Amino acid sequence: MKIMLAALSLVAAAALPALSFAEEKDPAKITCAEFEAMDSAGMMQAVEAIHKAGPDGAMAMDAAKTEEAVKMTTERCTGKPDMMAMEAMTMK
């Protein structure tokens, strides 16, 4: 039992980097599938990076606007795994 728990812990620890936003990743190349696989902190970081890479990047986003953008991007990404998260976030 202890061996199984230790193995599961190692597998979970190895998966964590995939769930958070890798800052070296180009924000324009994040797919909706990658975005949806992130944890909430990763999504927040990704949305901030996408915002900074866009035309309004000079304007700061507060936490409420970032959370709203995460929710909107998640909704627009649903069922579209190959769509770019940047496209989902910026579509009108």
PDB file of N, CA and C in Angstrom:
ATOM      1  N   MET A   1       0.820  -1.193   0.000  1.00  0.00           N
ATOM      2  CA  MET A   1       0.000   0.000   0.000  1.00  0.00           C
ATOM      3  C   MET A   1       0.866   1.259   0.000  1.00  0.00           C
ATOM      4  N   LYS A   2       1.891   1.282   0.849  1.00  0.00           N
ATOM      5  CA  LYS A   2       2.754   2.446   0.916  1.00  0.00           C
ATOM      6  C   LYS A   2       3.505   2.644  -0.394  1.00  0.00           C
ATOM      7  N   ILE A   3       3.887   1.544  -1.017  1.00  0.00           N
ATOM      8  CA  ILE A   3       4.608   1.630  -2.299  1.00  0.00           C
ATOM      9  C   ILE A   3       3.689   2.218  -3.363  1.00  0.00           C
ATOM     10  N   MET A   4       2.428   1.802  -3.356  1.00  0.00           N
ATOM     11  CA  MET A   4       1.471   2.314  -4.336  1.00  0.00           C
ATOM     12  C   MET A   4       1.244   3.816  -4.131  1.00  0.00           C
ATOM     13  N   LEU A   5       1.112   4.259  -2.898  1.00  0.00           N
ATOM     14  CA  LEU A   5       0.928   5.682  -2.614  1.00  0.00           C
ATOM     15  C   LEU A   5       2.159   6.484  -3.022  1.00  0.00           C
ATOM     16  N   ALA A   6       3.322   5.936  -2.781  1.00  0.00           N
ATOM     17  CA  ALA A   6       4.555   6.620  -3.183  1.00  0.00           C
ATOM     18  C   ALA A   6       4.625   6.732  -4.705  1.00  0.00           C
ATOM     19  N   ALA A   7       4.258   5.686  -5.403  1.00  0.00           N
ATOM     20  CA  ALA A   7       4.275   5.701  -6.872  1.00  0.00           C
ATOM     21  C   ALA A   7       3.274   6.721  -7.401  1.00  0.00           C
ATOM     22  N   LEU A   8       2.080   6.751  -6.832  1.00  0.00           N
ATOM     23  CA  LEU A   8       1.072   7.718  -7.262  1.00  0.00           C
ATOM     24  C   LEU A   8       1.535   9.147  -7.000  1.00  0.00           C
ATOM     25  N   SER A   9       2.208   9.369  -5.889  1.00  0.00           N
ATOM     26  CA  SER A   9       2.729  10.703  -5.578  1.00  0.00           C
ATOM     27  C   SER A   9       3.754  11.141  -6.606  1.00  0.00           C
ATOM     28  N   LEU A  10       4.612  10.222  -7.018  1.00  0.00           N
ATOM     29  CA  LEU A  10       5.624  10.546  -8.029  1.00  0.00           C
ATOM     30  C   LEU A  10       4.979  10.873  -9.374  1.00  0.00           C
ATOM     31  N   VAL A  11       3.973  10.109  -9.743  1.00  0.00           N
ATOM     32  CA  VAL A  11       3.279  10.359 -11.002  1.00  0.00           C
ATOM     33  C   VAL A  11       2.581  11.721 -10.957  1.00  0.00           C
ATOM     34  N   ALA A  12       1.936  12.026  -9.855  1.00  0.00           N
ATOM     35  CA  ALA A  12       1.256  13.322  -9.713  1.00  0.00           C
ATOM     36  C   ALA A  12       2.256  14.466  -9.748  1.00  0.00           C
ATOM     37  N   ALA A  13       3.378  14.304  -9.088  1.00  0.00           N
ATOM     38  CA  ALA A  13       4.403  15.359  -9.081  1.00  0.00           C
ATOM     39  C   ALA A  13       4.965  15.577 -10.483  1.00  0.00           C
ATOM     40  N   ALA A  14       5.107  14.506 -11.251  1.00  0.00           N
ATOM     41  CA  ALA A  14       5.614  14.639 -12.618  1.00  0.00           C
ATOM     42  C   ALA A  14       4.611  15.336 -13.520  1.00  0.00           C
ATOM     43  N   ALA A  15       3.330  15.207 -13.229  1.00  0.00           N
ATOM     44  CA  ALA A  15       2.296  15.816 -14.067  1.00  0.00           C
ATOM     45  C   ALA A  15       2.080  17.290 -13.764  1.00  0.00           C
ATOM     46  N   LEU A  16       2.464  17.769 -12.600  1.00  0.00           N
ATOM     47  CA  LEU A  16       2.215  19.159 -12.217  1.00  0.00           C
ATOM     48  C   LEU A  16       2.771  20.186 -13.191  1.00  0.00           C
ATOM     49  N   PRO A  17       4.005  20.042 -13.693  1.00  0.00           N
ATOM     50  CA  PRO A  17       4.494  21.052 -14.629  1.00  0.00           C
ATOM     51  C   PRO A  17       3.629  21.174 -15.873  1.00  0.00           C
ATOM     52  N   ALA A  18       3.014  20.091 -16.300  1.00  0.00           N
ATOM     53  CA  ALA A  18       2.164  20.138 -17.485  1.00  0.00           C
ATOM     54  C   ALA A  18       0.872  20.896 -17.206  1.00  0.00           C
ATOM     55  N   LEU A  19       0.475  20.971 -15.953  1.00  0.00           N
ATOM     56  CA  LEU A  19      -0.776  21.627 -15.620  1.00  0.00           C
ATOM     57  C   LEU A  19      -0.626  23.130 -15.424  1.00  0.00           C
ATOM     58  N   SER A  20       0.564  23.591 -15.183  1.00  0.00           N
ATOM     59  CA  SER A  20       0.757  25.024 -15.006  1.00  0.00           C
ATOM     60  C   SER A  20       1.285  25.625 -16.294  1.00  0.00           C
ATOM     61  N   PHE A  21       1.241  26.924 -16.389  1.00  0.00           N
ATOM     62  CA  PHE A  21       1.664  27.617 -17.603  1.00  0.00           C
ATOM     63  C   PHE A  21       3.180  27.706 -17.657  1.00  0.00           C
ATOM     64  N   ALA A  22       3.745  27.223 -18.730  1.00  0.00           N
ATOM     65  CA  ALA A  22       5.189  27.340 -18.924  1.00  0.00           C
ATOM     66  C   ALA A  22       5.461  28.725 -19.493  1.00  0.00           C
ATOM     67  N   GLU A  23       6.141  29.557 -18.727  1.00  0.00           N
ATOM     68  CA  GLU A  23       6.340  30.945 -19.132  1.00  0.00           C
ATOM     69  C   GLU A  23       7.145  31.089 -20.419  1.00  0.00           C
ATOM     70  N   GLU A  24       7.952  30.070 -20.759  1.00  0.00           N
ATOM     71  CA  GLU A  24       8.733  30.177 -21.979  1.00  0.00           C
ATOM     72  C   GLU A  24       7.905  29.851 -23.230  1.00  0.00           C
ATOM     73  N   LYS A  25       6.690  29.383 -23.053  1.00  0.00           N
ATOM     74  CA  LYS A  25       5.815  29.055 -24.184  1.00  0.00           C
ATOM     75  C   LYS A  25       5.272  30.336 -24.804  1.00  0.00           C
ATOM     76  N   ASP A  26       5.272  30.391 -26.118  1.00  0.00           N
ATOM     77  CA  ASP A  26       4.736  31.536 -26.848  1.00  0.00           C
ATOM     78  C   ASP A  26       3.224  31.596 -26.625  1.00  0.00           C
ATOM     79  N   PRO A  27       2.715  32.683 -26.056  1.00  0.00           N
ATOM     80  CA  PRO A  27       1.271  32.778 -25.772  1.00  0.00           C
ATOM     81  C   PRO A  27       0.400  32.584 -27.011  1.00  0.00           C
ATOM     82  N   ALA A  28       0.906  32.949 -28.172  1.00  0.00           N
ATOM     83  CA  ALA A  28       0.124  32.818 -29.399  1.00  0.00           C
ATOM     84  C   ALA A  28       0.001  31.365 -29.843  1.00  0.00           C
ATOM     85  N   LYS A  29       0.781  30.472 -29.263  1.00  0.00           N
ATOM     86  CA  LYS A  29       0.779  29.072 -29.695  1.00  0.00           C
ATOM     87  C   LYS A  29       0.131  28.129 -28.692  1.00  0.00           C
ATOM     88  N   ILE A  30      -0.561  28.670 -27.705  1.00  0.00           N
ATOM     89  CA  ILE A  30      -1.255  27.836 -26.727  1.00  0.00           C
ATOM     90  C   ILE A  30      -2.607  27.442 -27.308  1.00  0.00           C
ATOM     91  N   THR A  31      -2.835  26.152 -27.459  1.00  0.00           N
ATOM     92  CA  THR A  31      -4.117  25.693 -27.971  1.00  0.00           C
ATOM     93  C   THR A  31      -5.138  25.650 -26.832  1.00  0.00           C
ATOM     94  N   CYS A  32      -6.389  25.569 -27.213  1.00  0.00           N
ATOM     95  CA  CYS A  32      -7.446  25.460 -26.206  1.00  0.00           C
ATOM     96  C   CYS A  32      -7.270  24.176 -25.391  1.00  0.00           C
ATOM     97  N   ALA A  33      -6.817  23.101 -26.022  1.00  0.00           N
ATOM     98  CA  ALA A  33      -6.600  21.852 -25.292  1.00  0.00           C
ATOM     99  C   ALA A  33      -5.531  22.045 -24.227  1.00  0.00           C
ATOM    100  N   GLU A  34      -4.457  22.747 -24.568  1.00  0.00           N
ATOM    101  CA  GLU A  34      -3.394  23.017 -23.594  1.00  0.00           C
ATOM    102  C   GLU A  34      -3.909  23.935 -22.488  1.00  0.00           C
ATOM    103  N   PHE A  35      -4.676  24.940 -22.877  1.00  0.00           N
ATOM    104  CA  PHE A  35      -5.228  25.890 -21.907  1.00  0.00           C
ATOM    105  C   PHE A  35      -6.140  25.178 -20.920  1.00  0.00           C
ATOM    106  N   GLU A  36      -7.030  24.341 -21.423  1.00  0.00           N
ATOM    107  CA  GLU A  36      -7.987  23.648 -20.564  1.00  0.00           C
ATOM    108  C   GLU A  36      -7.311  22.622 -19.657  1.00  0.00           C
ATOM    109  N   ALA A  37      -6.116  22.144 -20.035  1.00  0.00           N
ATOM    110  CA  ALA A  37      -5.388  21.176 -19.217  1.00  0.00           C
ATOM    111  C   ALA A  37      -4.640  21.835 -18.063  1.00  0.00           C
ATOM    112  N   MET A  38      -4.554  23.162 -18.060  1.00  0.00           N
ATOM    113  CA  MET A  38      -3.832  23.888 -17.012  1.00  0.00           C
ATOM    114  C   MET A  38      -4.660  23.962 -15.738  1.00  0.00           C
ATOM    115  N   ASP A  39      -3.952  24.126 -14.624  1.00  0.00           N
ATOM    116  CA  ASP A  39      -4.662  24.401 -13.374  1.00  0.00           C
ATOM    117  C   ASP A  39      -5.054  25.882 -13.375  1.00  0.00           C
ATOM    118  N   SER A  40      -5.797  26.323 -12.382  1.00  0.00           N
ATOM    119  CA  SER A  40      -6.304  27.703 -12.403  1.00  0.00           C
ATOM    120  C   SER A  40      -5.172  28.731 -12.370  1.00  0.00           C
ATOM    121  N   ALA A  41      -4.110  28.461 -11.634  1.00  0.00           N
ATOM    122  CA  ALA A  41      -2.977  29.405 -11.601  1.00  0.00           C
ATOM    123  C   ALA A  41      -2.311  29.486 -12.974  1.00  0.00           C
ATOM    124  N   GLY A  42      -2.191  28.363 -13.642  1.00  0.00           N
ATOM    125  CA  GLY A  42      -1.616  28.348 -14.987  1.00  0.00           C
ATOM    126  C   GLY A  42      -2.477  29.108 -15.973  1.00  0.00           C
ATOM    127  N   MET A  43      -3.795  28.938 -15.855  1.00  0.00           N
ATOM    128  CA  MET A  43      -4.711  29.671 -16.726  1.00  0.00           C
ATOM    129  C   MET A  43      -4.580  31.172 -16.518  1.00  0.00           C
ATOM    130  N   MET A  44      -4.456  31.580 -15.249  1.00  0.00           N
ATOM    131  CA  MET A  44      -4.307  33.015 -14.947  1.00  0.00           C
ATOM    132  C   MET A  44      -3.019  33.546 -15.575  1.00  0.00           C
ATOM    133  N   GLN A  45      -1.923  32.800 -15.447  1.00  0.00           N
ATOM    134  CA  GLN A  45      -0.646  33.218 -16.023  1.00  0.00           C
ATOM    135  C   GLN A  45      -0.735  33.258 -17.543  1.00  0.00           C
ATOM    136  N   ALA A  46      -1.399  32.264 -18.131  1.00  0.00           N
ATOM    137  CA  ALA A  46      -1.529  32.216 -19.587  1.00  0.00           C
ATOM    138  C   ALA A  46      -2.337  33.396 -20.097  1.00  0.00           C
ATOM    139  N   VAL A  47      -3.439  33.713 -19.435  1.00  0.00           N
ATOM    140  CA  VAL A  47      -4.285  34.847 -19.840  1.00  0.00           C
ATOM    141  C   VAL A  47      -3.493  36.150 -19.741  1.00  0.00           C
ATOM    142  N   GLU A  48      -2.726  36.305 -18.674  1.00  0.00           N
ATOM    143  CA  GLU A  48      -1.909  37.516 -18.535  1.00  0.00           C
ATOM    144  C   GLU A  48      -0.873  37.608 -19.658  1.00  0.00           C
ATOM    145  N   ALA A  49      -0.248  36.479 -20.002  1.00  0.00           N
ATOM    146  CA  ALA A  49       0.757  36.470 -21.077  1.00  0.00           C
ATOM    147  C   ALA A  49       0.109  36.756 -22.429  1.00  0.00           C
ATOM    148  N   ILE A  50      -1.070  36.170 -22.664  1.00  0.00           N
ATOM    149  CA  ILE A  50      -1.789  36.418 -23.920  1.00  0.00           C
ATOM    150  C   ILE A  50      -2.160  37.896 -24.008  1.00  0.00           C
ATOM    151  N   HIS A  51      -2.631  38.456 -22.904  1.00  0.00           N
ATOM    152  CA  HIS A  51      -3.002  39.871 -22.880  1.00  0.00           C
ATOM    153  C   HIS A  51      -1.799  40.755 -23.192  1.00  0.00           C
ATOM    154  N   LYS A  52      -0.663  40.465 -22.559  1.00  0.00           N
ATOM    155  CA  LYS A  52       0.546  41.260 -22.783  1.00  0.00           C
ATOM    156  C   LYS A  52       1.042  41.150 -24.219  1.00  0.00           C
ATOM    157  N   ALA A  53       0.802  40.008 -24.864  1.00  0.00           N
ATOM    158  CA  ALA A  53       1.245  39.806 -26.243  1.00  0.00           C
ATOM    159  C   ALA A  53       0.296  40.446 -27.249  1.00  0.00           C
ATOM    160  N   GLY A  54      -0.899  40.820 -26.813  1.00  0.00           N
ATOM    161  CA  GLY A  54      -1.902  41.383 -27.714  1.00  0.00           C
ATOM    162  C   GLY A  54      -1.771  42.889 -27.871  1.00  0.00           C
ATOM    163  N   PRO A  55      -2.689  43.475 -28.640  1.00  0.00           N
ATOM    164  CA  PRO A  55      -2.632  44.914 -28.924  1.00  0.00           C
ATOM    165  C   PRO A  55      -2.850  45.798 -27.701  1.00  0.00           C
ATOM    166  N   ASP A  56      -3.515  45.292 -26.674  1.00  0.00           N
ATOM    167  CA  ASP A  56      -3.773  46.073 -25.459  1.00  0.00           C
ATOM    168  C   ASP A  56      -2.789  45.728 -24.347  1.00  0.00           C
ATOM    169  N   GLY A  57      -1.666  45.121 -24.708  1.00  0.00           N
ATOM    170  CA  GLY A  57      -0.704  44.637 -23.729  1.00  0.00           C
ATOM    171  C   GLY A  57      -0.149  45.675 -22.791  1.00  0.00           C
ATOM    172  N   ALA A  58      -0.151  46.929 -23.199  1.00  0.00           N
ATOM    173  CA  ALA A  58       0.379  47.991 -22.341  1.00  0.00           C
ATOM    174  C   ALA A  58      -0.570  48.298 -21.183  1.00  0.00           C
ATOM    175  N   MET A  59      -1.831  47.948 -21.340  1.00  0.00           N
ATOM    176  CA  MET A  59      -2.822  48.201 -20.295  1.00  0.00           C
ATOM    177  C   MET A  59      -2.811  47.036 -19.307  1.00  0.00           C
ATOM    178  N   ALA A  60      -2.703  47.339 -18.039  1.00  0.00           N
ATOM    179  CA  ALA A  60      -2.670  46.303 -17.008  1.00  0.00           C
ATOM    180  C   ALA A  60      -4.056  45.699 -16.800  1.00  0.00           C
ATOM    181  N   MET A  61      -4.078  44.424 -16.425  1.00  0.00           N
ATOM    182  CA  MET A  61      -5.329  43.751 -16.071  1.00  0.00           C
ATOM    183  C   MET A  61      -5.311  43.511 -14.568  1.00  0.00           C
ATOM    184  N   ASP A  62      -6.393  43.859 -13.883  1.00  0.00           N
ATOM    185  CA  ASP A  62      -6.464  43.541 -12.464  1.00  0.00           C
ATOM    186  C   ASP A  62      -6.943  42.101 -12.301  1.00  0.00           C
ATOM    187  N   ALA A  63      -6.956  41.611 -11.077  1.00  0.00           N
ATOM    188  CA  ALA A  63      -7.307  40.215 -10.813  1.00  0.00           C
ATOM    189  C   ALA A  63      -8.722  39.878 -11.280  1.00  0.00           C
ATOM    190  N   ALA A  64      -9.664  40.788 -11.103  1.00  0.00           N
ATOM    191  CA  ALA A  64     -11.051  40.532 -11.511  1.00  0.00           C
ATOM    192  C   ALA A  64     -11.159  40.388 -13.021  1.00  0.00           C
ATOM    193  N   LYS A  65     -10.471  41.257 -13.759  1.00  0.00           N
ATOM    194  CA  LYS A  65     -10.510  41.176 -15.221  1.00  0.00           C
ATOM    195  C   LYS A  65      -9.802  39.916 -15.714  1.00  0.00           C
ATOM    196  N   THR A  66      -8.735  39.519 -15.027  1.00  0.00           N
ATOM    197  CA  THR A  66      -8.020  38.306 -15.402  1.00  0.00           C
ATOM    198  C   THR A  66      -8.913  37.091 -15.193  1.00  0.00           C
ATOM    199  N   GLU A  67      -9.599  37.033 -14.049  1.00  0.00           N
ATOM    200  CA  GLU A  67     -10.519  35.926 -13.775  1.00  0.00           C
ATOM    201  C   GLU A  67     -11.646  35.884 -14.804  1.00  0.00           C
ATOM    202  N   GLU A  68     -12.166  37.038 -15.160  1.00  0.00           N
ATOM    203  CA  GLU A  68     -13.228  37.121 -16.166  1.00  0.00           C
ATOM    204  C   GLU A  68     -12.716  36.612 -17.515  1.00  0.00           C
ATOM    205  N   ALA A  69     -11.481  36.981 -17.865  1.00  0.00           N
ATOM    206  CA  ALA A  69     -10.893  36.545 -19.127  1.00  0.00           C
ATOM    207  C   ALA A  69     -10.655  35.036 -19.132  1.00  0.00           C
ATOM    208  N   VAL A  70     -10.273  34.466 -17.993  1.00  0.00           N
ATOM    209  CA  VAL A  70     -10.089  33.011 -17.894  1.00  0.00           C
ATOM    210  C   VAL A  70     -11.421  32.315 -18.136  1.00  0.00           C
ATOM    211  N   LYS A  71     -12.475  32.803 -17.493  1.00  0.00           N
ATOM    212  CA  LYS A  71     -13.806  32.196 -17.642  1.00  0.00           C
ATOM    213  C   LYS A  71     -14.282  32.289 -19.096  1.00  0.00           C
ATOM    214  N   MET A  72     -14.125  33.460 -19.691  1.00  0.00           N
ATOM    215  CA  MET A  72     -14.560  33.673 -21.065  1.00  0.00           C
ATOM    216  C   MET A  72     -13.767  32.780 -22.028  1.00  0.00           C
ATOM    217  N   THR A  73     -12.462  32.713 -21.841  1.00  0.00           N
ATOM    218  CA  THR A  73     -11.618  31.903 -22.718  1.00  0.00           C
ATOM    219  C   THR A  73     -11.968  30.433 -22.575  1.00  0.00           C
ATOM    220  N   THR A  74     -12.194  29.988 -21.360  1.00  0.00           N
ATOM    221  CA  THR A  74     -12.574  28.598 -21.120  1.00  0.00           C
ATOM    222  C   THR A  74     -13.892  28.275 -21.826  1.00  0.00           C
ATOM    223  N   GLU A  75     -14.875  29.171 -21.718  1.00  0.00           N
ATOM    224  CA  GLU A  75     -16.173  28.960 -22.370  1.00  0.00           C
ATOM    225  C   GLU A  75     -16.018  28.897 -23.889  1.00  0.00           C
ATOM    226  N   ARG A  76     -15.235  29.802 -24.445  1.00  0.00           N
ATOM    227  CA  ARG A  76     -15.057  29.845 -25.893  1.00  0.00           C
ATOM    228  C   ARG A  76     -14.219  28.680 -26.405  1.00  0.00           C
ATOM    229  N   CYS A  77     -13.377  28.107 -25.563  1.00  0.00           N
ATOM    230  CA  CYS A  77     -12.534  26.974 -25.954  1.00  0.00           C
ATOM    231  C   CYS A  77     -13.276  25.644 -25.913  1.00  0.00           C
ATOM    232  N   THR A  78     -14.354  25.588 -25.156  1.00  0.00           N
ATOM    233  CA  THR A  78     -15.079  24.332 -24.987  1.00  0.00           C
ATOM    234  C   THR A  78     -15.459  23.731 -26.333  1.00  0.00           C
ATOM    235  N   GLY A  79     -15.032  22.495 -26.548  1.00  0.00           N
ATOM    236  CA  GLY A  79     -15.343  21.777 -27.774  1.00  0.00           C
ATOM    237  C   GLY A  79     -14.473  22.158 -28.965  1.00  0.00           C
ATOM    238  N   LYS A  80     -13.462  22.998 -28.742  1.00  0.00           N
ATOM    239  CA  LYS A  80     -12.585  23.440 -29.837  1.00  0.00           C
ATOM    240  C   LYS A  80     -11.118  23.261 -29.424  1.00  0.00           C
ATOM    241  N   PRO A  81     -10.658  22.024 -29.252  1.00  0.00           N
ATOM    242  CA  PRO A  81      -9.311  21.793 -28.731  1.00  0.00           C
ATOM    243  C   PRO A  81      -8.184  22.333 -29.611  1.00  0.00           C
ATOM    244  N   ASP A  82      -8.406  22.448 -30.910  1.00  0.00           N
ATOM    245  CA  ASP A  82      -7.353  22.911 -31.818  1.00  0.00           C
ATOM    246  C   ASP A  82      -7.331  24.435 -31.993  1.00  0.00           C
ATOM    247  N   MET A  83      -8.326  25.117 -31.483  1.00  0.00           N
ATOM    248  CA  MET A  83      -8.368  26.576 -31.566  1.00  0.00           C
ATOM    249  C   MET A  83      -7.257  27.156 -30.686  1.00  0.00           C
ATOM    250  N   MET A  84      -6.719  28.271 -31.073  1.00  0.00           N
ATOM    251  CA  MET A  84      -5.709  28.942 -30.261  1.00  0.00           C
ATOM    252  C   MET A  84      -6.406  29.689 -29.121  1.00  0.00           C
ATOM    253  N   ALA A  85      -5.869  29.569 -27.921  1.00  0.00           N
ATOM    254  CA  ALA A  85      -6.455  30.243 -26.760  1.00  0.00           C
ATOM    255  C   ALA A  85      -6.459  31.755 -26.962  1.00  0.00           C
ATOM    256  N   MET A  86      -5.437  32.276 -27.635  1.00  0.00           N
ATOM    257  CA  MET A  86      -5.384  33.720 -27.901  1.00  0.00           C
ATOM    258  C   MET A  86      -6.570  34.144 -28.774  1.00  0.00           C
ATOM    259  N   GLU A  87      -6.896  33.319 -29.751  1.00  0.00           N
ATOM    260  CA  GLU A  87      -8.046  33.609 -30.616  1.00  0.00           C
ATOM    261  C   GLU A  87      -9.335  33.584 -29.803  1.00  0.00           C
ATOM    262  N   ALA A  88      -9.469  32.590 -28.937  1.00  0.00           N
ATOM    263  CA  ALA A  88     -10.663  32.475 -28.097  1.00  0.00           C
ATOM    264  C   ALA A  88     -10.794  33.665 -27.172  1.00  0.00           C
ATOM    265  N   MET A  89      -9.669  34.118 -26.633  1.00  0.00           N
ATOM    266  CA  MET A  89      -9.690  35.221 -25.679  1.00  0.00           C
ATOM    267  C   MET A  89     -10.006  36.556 -26.343  1.00  0.00           C
ATOM    268  N   THR A  90      -9.568  36.734 -27.578  1.00  0.00           N
ATOM    269  CA  THR A  90      -9.705  38.039 -28.229  1.00  0.00           C
ATOM    270  C   THR A  90     -10.877  38.127 -29.189  1.00  0.00           C
ATOM    271  N   MET A  91     -11.619  37.030 -29.402  1.00  0.00           N
ATOM    272  CA  MET A  91     -12.733  37.112 -30.359  1.00  0.00           C
ATOM    273  C   MET A  91     -13.859  37.971 -29.801  1.00  0.00           C
ATOM    274  N   LYS A  92     -14.500  38.671 -30.670  1.00  0.00           N
ATOM    275  CA  LYS A  92     -15.579  39.587 -30.273  1.00  0.00           C
ATOM    276  C   LYS A  92     -16.915  38.913 -30.436  1.00  0.00           C
TER     277      LYS A  92
END
